[in-house]
Protein backbone atom coordinates (compact mmCIF):
# COMPACT_ATOMS: atom_id res chain seq x y z
CA MET A 1 11.13 14.99 -12.39
CA ALA A 2 8.13 15.20 -10.08
CA LEU A 3 5.46 12.55 -10.41
CA SER A 4 1.74 13.12 -10.17
CA ALA A 5 -0.11 11.06 -7.59
CA PRO A 6 -1.69 8.80 -10.25
CA GLN A 7 1.69 8.27 -11.93
CA ALA A 8 3.34 7.27 -8.65
CA ALA A 9 0.42 4.95 -7.82
CA GLU A 10 0.62 3.28 -11.24
CA LEU A 11 4.38 2.76 -10.85
CA LEU A 12 3.80 1.15 -7.45
CA ARG A 13 1.02 -1.05 -8.85
CA ASP A 14 3.33 -2.15 -11.69
CA GLU A 15 6.14 -2.95 -9.25
CA LEU A 16 3.79 -4.97 -7.04
CA ALA A 17 2.56 -6.83 -10.14
CA ARG A 18 6.16 -7.83 -10.91
CA HIS A 19 6.05 -9.65 -7.58
CA GLY A 20 2.74 -11.34 -8.41
CA VAL A 21 0.52 -9.01 -6.37
CA ASP A 22 -2.55 -7.41 -7.93
CA ALA A 23 -3.53 -3.96 -6.68
CA ASP A 24 -6.13 -1.38 -7.60
CA VAL A 25 -5.45 2.34 -8.11
CA HIS A 26 -7.96 5.06 -7.33
CA ALA A 27 -7.06 8.71 -7.92
CA GLY A 28 -8.59 12.11 -7.33
CA TYR A 29 -8.18 15.42 -5.56
CA GLY A 30 -4.38 15.39 -5.88
CA MET A 31 -4.01 12.02 -4.13
CA ALA A 32 -4.03 8.42 -5.25
CA LEU A 33 -4.73 5.24 -3.31
CA VAL A 34 -3.34 1.80 -4.03
CA SER A 35 -5.48 -0.95 -2.55
CA VAL A 36 -3.10 -3.85 -1.90
CA TRP A 37 -4.78 -6.13 0.63
CA VAL A 38 -7.45 -6.16 3.32
CA GLU A 39 -6.43 -3.37 5.73
CA LEU A 40 -3.50 -2.33 3.50
CA LEU A 41 -4.13 0.87 1.63
CA VAL A 42 -1.24 2.98 0.35
CA TRP A 43 -1.67 6.73 -0.12
CA THR A 44 0.48 8.85 -2.40
CA ASN A 45 0.67 12.48 -3.44
CA GLY A 46 3.43 11.78 -5.98
CA ARG A 47 6.23 12.65 -3.54
CA TRP A 48 5.82 9.86 -0.96
CA PHE A 49 3.94 6.67 -0.19
CA ARG A 50 2.28 6.15 3.18
CA TRP A 51 0.69 3.02 4.69
CA GLY A 52 -0.41 1.90 8.12
CA CYS A 53 1.60 -0.26 10.52
CA ASP A 54 0.51 -2.33 13.48
CA ALA A 55 2.11 0.00 15.97
CA SER A 56 0.36 2.75 17.87
CA SER A 57 1.92 5.83 19.36
CA ALA A 58 2.68 5.30 23.03
CA GLY A 59 1.56 8.81 23.89
CA ASN A 60 -1.82 9.06 22.25
CA GLY A 61 -2.66 5.61 20.86
CA ARG A 62 -2.90 6.84 17.27
CA ARG A 63 -1.92 4.55 14.43
CA VAL A 64 1.68 4.76 13.22
CA TYR A 65 2.37 5.05 9.50
CA ALA A 66 5.32 3.99 7.37
CA PHE A 67 6.59 6.32 4.68
CA GLY A 68 8.65 5.83 1.55
CA PRO A 69 9.71 8.27 -1.16
CA ALA A 70 7.79 7.92 -4.42
CA ASP A 71 11.03 8.18 -6.39
CA ASP A 72 12.17 4.84 -4.88
CA VAL A 73 9.27 2.63 -5.90
CA ALA A 74 11.22 -0.63 -5.68
CA THR A 75 12.10 -0.13 -2.01
CA ALA A 76 8.60 1.03 -1.12
CA ALA A 77 7.14 -2.01 -2.89
CA ARG A 78 9.40 -4.41 -0.97
CA ARG A 79 8.36 -2.84 2.34
CA ILE A 80 4.68 -2.93 1.36
CA LEU A 81 5.01 -6.58 0.30
CA ARG A 82 6.45 -7.42 3.75
CA ARG A 83 3.51 -5.65 5.40
CA ARG A 84 1.07 -7.51 3.14
CA GLU A 85 2.62 -10.82 4.13
CA GLU A 86 2.26 -9.93 7.83
CA LEU A 87 -1.43 -9.21 7.28
CA ARG A 88 -1.95 -12.36 5.18
CA GLN A 89 -0.50 -14.57 7.89
CA ARG A 90 -2.90 -13.16 10.45
CA ARG A 91 -6.02 -13.21 8.29
CA ALA A 92 -7.55 -16.52 7.32
CA CYS A 93 -9.57 -15.34 4.33
CA SER A 94 -9.43 -15.30 0.56
CA GLN A 95 -7.50 -12.70 -1.43
CA HIS A 96 -10.76 -10.98 -2.27
CA PRO A 97 -13.24 -10.65 0.63
CA GLU A 98 -16.24 -11.10 -1.67
CA ASP A 99 -14.87 -14.53 -2.74
CA ARG A 100 -16.27 -16.83 -0.07
CA SER A 101 -15.12 -20.03 -1.80
CA ALA A 102 -11.74 -20.15 -0.01
């Protein structure tokens, strides 16, 4: 069964929540975005998830992206959680940028 982009995004958000991570879903124009952390935005079209990595292409310097199939939400969530932890360790700020109390 094919998922719509919003359905896939909601499934990912729910899986992240099971691991204690809040995320926001925004959908429109056949795509959905899951905002996980500062500089960690996951795109989906219902068939795959895509998020940015640290790496750049050696040839042209463009950002490299990780992909995961939308029908394997648990694996994608684990990979996204690892990426989030990498970003958290490098960024000394609160979970929500507008919260300046941390």
